[in-house]
C-alpha atoms as a PDB file:
ATOM      1  CA  UNK A   1     -20.953  -4.165   8.509  1.00  0.00           C
ATOM      2  CA  UNK A   2     -23.704  -1.994   7.061  1.00  0.00           C
ATOM      3  CA  UNK A   3     -22.552   1.542   7.939  1.00  0.00           C
ATOM      4  CA  UNK A   4     -20.702   3.095   4.896  1.00  0.00           C
ATOM      5  CA  UNK A   5     -17.462   4.837   5.919  1.00  0.00           C
ATOM      6  CA  UNK A   6     -15.290   7.076   4.053  1.00  0.00           C
ATOM      7  CA  UNK A   7     -11.646   5.986   3.926  1.00  0.00           C
ATOM      8  CA  UNK A   8      -8.797   8.322   2.507  1.00  0.00           C
ATOM      9  CA  UNK A   9      -7.278   6.153  -0.542  1.00  0.00           C
ATOM     10  CA  UNK A  10      -3.786   7.508  -0.122  1.00  0.00           C
ATOM     11  CA  UNK A  11      -3.683   6.775   3.397  1.00  0.00           C
ATOM     12  CA  UNK A  12      -4.849   3.224   2.891  1.00  0.00           C
ATOM     13  CA  UNK A  13      -2.077   2.712   0.086  1.00  0.00           C
ATOM     14  CA  UNK A  14       0.362   4.065   2.425  1.00  0.00           C
ATOM     15  CA  UNK A  15      -0.513   1.984   5.078  1.00  0.00           C
ATOM     16  CA  UNK A  16      -0.382  -1.288   2.900  1.00  0.00           C
ATOM     17  CA  UNK A  17       2.889  -0.327   1.331  1.00  0.00           C
ATOM     18  CA  UNK A  18       4.584   0.462   4.803  1.00  0.00           C
ATOM     19  CA  UNK A  19       6.684  -2.491   5.481  1.00  0.00           C
ATOM     20  CA  UNK A  20       8.058  -1.234   8.742  1.00  0.00           C
ATOM     21  CA  UNK A  21       7.854  -4.228  11.120  1.00  0.00           C
ATOM     22  CA  UNK A  22       7.438  -1.952  14.112  1.00  0.00           C
ATOM     23  CA  UNK A  23       4.489  -0.391  12.757  1.00  0.00           C
ATOM     24  CA  UNK A  24       0.848  -1.721  12.290  1.00  0.00           C
ATOM     25  CA  UNK A  25      -2.046   0.063  10.729  1.00  0.00           C
ATOM     26  CA  UNK A  26      -5.890  -0.311  11.375  1.00  0.00           C
ATOM     27  CA  UNK A  27      -9.142   1.215   9.917  1.00  0.00           C
ATOM     28  CA  UNK A  28     -11.586   2.564  12.635  1.00  0.00           C
ATOM     29  CA  UNK A  29     -14.687   0.929  11.345  1.00  0.00           C
ATOM     30  CA  UNK A  30     -16.807   3.616  12.735  1.00  0.00           C
ATOM     31  CA  UNK A  31     -15.223   6.631  11.010  1.00  0.00           C
ATOM     32  CA  UNK A  32     -12.831   5.304   8.358  1.00  0.00           C
ATOM     33  CA  UNK A  33      -9.831   6.941  10.082  1.00  0.00           C
ATOM     34  CA  UNK A  34      -6.541   4.933   9.570  1.00  0.00           C
ATOM     35  CA  UNK A  35      -4.524   4.656  12.852  1.00  0.00           C
ATOM     36  CA  UNK A  36      -1.398   2.902  13.725  1.00  0.00           C
ATOM     37  CA  UNK A  37       0.134   1.291  16.692  1.00  0.00           C
ATOM     38  CA  UNK A  38       4.021   0.930  17.115  1.00  0.00           C
ATOM     39  CA  UNK A  39       6.455  -1.119  19.277  1.00  0.00           C
ATOM     40  CA  UNK A  40       7.865   0.465  22.131  1.00  0.00           C
ATOM     41  CA  UNK A  41      11.238   0.051  20.447  1.00  0.00           C
ATOM     42  CA  UNK A  42      10.285   1.993  17.593  1.00  0.00           C
ATOM     43  CA  UNK A  43       8.498   4.814  19.476  1.00  0.00           C
ATOM     44  CA  UNK A  44      10.883   4.957  22.371  1.00  0.00           C
ATOM     45  CA  UNK A  45       8.811   4.657  25.430  1.00  0.00           C
ATOM     46  CA  UNK A  46       6.020   6.811  24.328  1.00  0.00           C
ATOM     47  CA  UNK A  47       2.684   5.262  25.310  1.00  0.00           C
ATOM     48  CA  UNK A  48       0.623   4.990  22.043  1.00  0.00           C
ATOM     49  CA  UNK A  49      -2.982   5.824  22.855  1.00  0.00           C
ATOM     50  CA  UNK A  50      -4.139   3.752  19.985  1.00  0.00           C
ATOM     51  CA  UNK A  51      -3.019   0.627  21.524  1.00  0.00           C
ATOM     52  CA  UNK A  52      -5.353   1.200  24.403  1.00  0.00           C
ATOM     53  CA  UNK A  53      -8.346   2.227  21.967  1.00  0.00           C
ATOM     54  CA  UNK A  54      -7.790  -1.082  19.893  1.00  0.00           C
ATOM     55  CA  UNK A  55      -7.534  -3.165  23.220  1.00  0.00           C
ATOM     56  CA  UNK A  56     -10.668  -1.780  24.579  1.00  0.00           C
ATOM     57  CA  UNK A  57     -12.801  -1.980  21.273  1.00  0.00           C
ATOM     58  CA  UNK A  58     -11.252  -4.610  19.278  1.00  0.00           C
ATOM     59  CA  UNK A  59     -14.271  -5.027  16.949  1.00  0.00           C
ATOM     60  CA  UNK A  60     -14.234  -1.573  15.985  1.00  0.00           C
ATOM     61  CA  UNK A  61     -10.691  -1.700  14.411  1.00  0.00           C
ATOM     62  CA  UNK A  62      -9.688  -3.916  11.424  1.00  0.00           C
ATOM     63  CA  UNK A  63      -5.754  -4.590  10.974  1.00  0.00           C
ATOM     64  CA  UNK A  64      -4.655  -3.351   7.485  1.00  0.00           C
ATOM     65  CA  UNK A  65      -2.400  -6.218   5.889  1.00  0.00           C
ATOM     66  CA  UNK A  66       0.506  -5.201   4.240  1.00  0.00           C
ATOM     67  CA  UNK A  67       0.750  -5.865   0.513  1.00  0.00           C
ATOM     68  CA  UNK A  68       2.449  -9.049  -0.349  1.00  0.00           C
ATOM     69  CA  UNK A  69       5.774  -8.206  -2.181  1.00  0.00           C
ATOM     70  CA  UNK A  70       4.798 -10.844  -4.930  1.00  0.00           C
ATOM     71  CA  UNK A  71       1.733  -8.561  -5.424  1.00  0.00           C
ATOM     72  CA  UNK A  72       3.736  -5.301  -5.647  1.00  0.00           C
ATOM     73  CA  UNK A  73       6.163  -6.889  -7.851  1.00  0.00           C
ATOM     74  CA  UNK A  74       3.253  -7.936 -10.214  1.00  0.00           C
ATOM     75  CA  UNK A  75       2.207  -4.319 -10.535  1.00  0.00           C
ATOM     76  CA  UNK A  76       5.743  -3.484 -11.734  1.00  0.00           C
ATOM     77  CA  UNK A  77       5.985  -6.373 -14.021  1.00  0.00           C
ATOM     78  CA  UNK A  78       2.541  -5.503 -15.602  1.00  0.00           C
ATOM     79  CA  UNK A  79       3.485  -1.995 -16.123  1.00  0.00           C
ATOM     80  CA  UNK A  80       6.654  -3.004 -17.862  1.00  0.00           C
ATOM     81  CA  UNK A  81       4.922  -5.521 -19.949  1.00  0.00           C
ATOM     82  CA  UNK A  82       2.657  -2.920 -21.529  1.00  0.00           C
ATOM     83  CA  UNK A  83       5.527  -0.587 -22.604  1.00  0.00           C
ATOM     84  CA  UNK A  84       5.585  -0.085 -26.408  1.00  0.00           C
ATOM     85  CA  UNK A  85       9.197   0.766 -26.717  1.00  0.00           C
ATOM     86  CA  UNK A  86      10.787  -2.466 -26.780  1.00  0.00           C
ATOM     87  CA  UNK A  87      14.317  -1.021 -26.000  1.00  0.00           C
ATOM     88  CA  UNK A  88      13.150   0.485 -22.866  1.00  0.00           C
ATOM     89  CA  UNK A  89      10.791  -2.396 -21.862  1.00  0.00           C
ATOM     90  CA  UNK A  90      14.063  -4.654 -21.972  1.00  0.00           C
ATOM     91  CA  UNK A  91      15.779  -2.192 -19.862  1.00  0.00           C
ATOM     92  CA  UNK A  92      13.170  -2.177 -17.266  1.00  0.00           C
ATOM     93  CA  UNK A  93      12.704  -5.940 -17.485  1.00  0.00           C
ATOM     94  CA  UNK A  94      16.326  -6.277 -16.618  1.00  0.00           C
ATOM     95  CA  UNK A  95      16.145  -3.988 -13.728  1.00  0.00           C
ATOM     96  CA  UNK A  96      13.211  -5.860 -12.111  1.00  0.00           C
ATOM     97  CA  UNK A  97      15.001  -9.170 -12.358  1.00  0.00           C
ATOM     98  CA  UNK A  98      18.085  -7.797 -10.594  1.00  0.00           C
ATOM     99  CA  UNK A  99      18.655  -8.276  -6.835  1.00  0.00           C
ATOM    100  CA  UNK A 100      16.723  -5.676  -5.052  1.00  0.00           C
ATOM    101  CA  UNK A 101      14.220  -5.310  -7.859  1.00  0.00           C
ATOM    102  CA  UNK A 102      12.203  -2.523  -6.431  1.00  0.00           C
ATOM    103  CA  UNK A 103      14.994  -0.290  -5.855  1.00  0.00           C
ATOM    104  CA  UNK A 104      16.681  -1.012  -9.135  1.00  0.00           C
ATOM    105  CA  UNK A 105      13.109  -0.539 -10.973  1.00  0.00           C
ATOM    106  CA  UNK A 106      12.952   2.972  -9.247  1.00  0.00           C
ATOM    107  CA  UNK A 107      16.497   3.992 -10.183  1.00  0.00           C
ATOM    108  CA  UNK A 108      16.073   2.728 -13.771  1.00  0.00           C
ATOM    109  CA  UNK A 109      12.633   4.518 -14.148  1.00  0.00           C
ATOM    110  CA  UNK A 110      14.349   7.847 -13.054  1.00  0.00           C
ATOM    111  CA  UNK A 111      16.101   7.878 -16.451  1.00  0.00           C
ATOM    112  CA  UNK A 112      12.587   8.072 -18.250  1.00  0.00           C
ATOM    113  CA  UNK A 113      10.736  10.830 -16.573  1.00  0.00           C
ATOM    114  CA  UNK A 114       7.657  10.592 -18.766  1.00  0.00           C
ATOM    115  CA  UNK A 115       7.500   6.889 -18.139  1.00  0.00           C
ATOM    116  CA  UNK A 116       7.996   7.587 -14.355  1.00  0.00           C
ATOM    117  CA  UNK A 117       4.911   9.762 -14.143  1.00  0.00           C
ATOM    118  CA  UNK A 118       3.064   7.166 -16.196  1.00  0.00           C
ATOM    119  CA  UNK A 119       4.049   4.446 -13.734  1.00  0.00           C
ATOM    120  CA  UNK A 120       3.010   6.736 -10.916  1.00  0.00           C
ATOM    121  CA  UNK A 121      -0.476   6.766 -12.262  1.00  0.00           C
ATOM    122  CA  UNK A 122      -0.554   3.204 -13.071  1.00  0.00           C
ATOM    123  CA  UNK A 123       0.597   2.277  -9.749  1.00  0.00           C
ATOM    124  CA  UNK A 124      -2.114   4.369  -8.082  1.00  0.00           C
ATOM    125  CA  UNK A 125      -4.857   2.844 -10.250  1.00  0.00           C
ATOM    126  CA  UNK A 126      -3.621  -0.671  -9.431  1.00  0.00           C
ATOM    127  CA  UNK A 127      -3.382  -0.036  -5.804  1.00  0.00           C
ATOM    128  CA  UNK A 128      -6.770   1.503  -5.742  1.00  0.00           C
ATOM    129  CA  UNK A 129      -8.099  -1.777  -7.390  1.00  0.00           C
ATOM    130  CA  UNK A 130      -6.082  -3.796  -4.798  1.00  0.00           C
ATOM    131  CA  UNK A 131      -7.440  -1.753  -1.766  1.00  0.00           C
ATOM    132  CA  UNK A 132     -11.261  -2.054  -3.192  1.00  0.00           C
ATOM    133  CA  UNK A 133     -10.837  -5.846  -3.364  1.00  0.00           C
ATOM    134  CA  UNK A 134      -9.148  -6.004   0.139  1.00  0.00           C
ATOM    135  CA  UNK A 135     -12.061  -3.893   1.569  1.00  0.00           C
ATOM    136  CA  UNK A 136     -14.625  -6.218  -0.215  1.00  0.00           C
ATOM    137  CA  UNK A 137     -12.798  -9.403   1.118  1.00  0.00           C
ATOM    138  CA  UNK A 138     -13.063  -7.965   4.645  1.00  0.00           C
ATOM    139  CA  UNK A 139     -16.822  -6.852   4.019  1.00  0.00           C
ATOM    140  CA  UNK A 140     -15.929  -3.364   4.756  1.00  0.00           C
ATOM    141  CA  UNK A 141     -18.508  -1.070   3.153  1.00  0.00           C
ATOM    142  CA  UNK A 142     -16.418   2.173   2.231  1.00  0.00           C
ATOM    143  CA  UNK A 143     -16.079   4.984  -0.197  1.00  0.00           C
ATOM    144  CA  UNK A 144     -12.551   5.812  -1.048  1.00  0.00           C
ATOM    145  CA  UNK A 145     -11.967   9.580  -0.978  1.00  0.00           C
END
């Protein structure tokens, strides 16, 4: 693809992190818009026009793959690894190695408001790089806005 499109970074991140099994996200390769389709079960008999658009022009849309949970875990783990305070680092390590590590990490991080904000920024930065790499792998020439 040679045409450069604008893609909203936050929408891409949201699509890649949406683990709802009934929803699928796509990039419109003509204009960078993120669209979704949903199973009838999920949208309760409402005809999804996007299904028709994709069926009629499949080359115009690229399915957005959901970030693998191992990759998402690596972001948390990397963040924890770089915490200077060893006591807090230990508490957070314990949280990510419990059952339901994402929920446990989020709940534990809530006890550290400054760190929670740092993680939000770190996560955004890491996901931005992940999105850029994914787009590159798919040969999608895009500016993230």
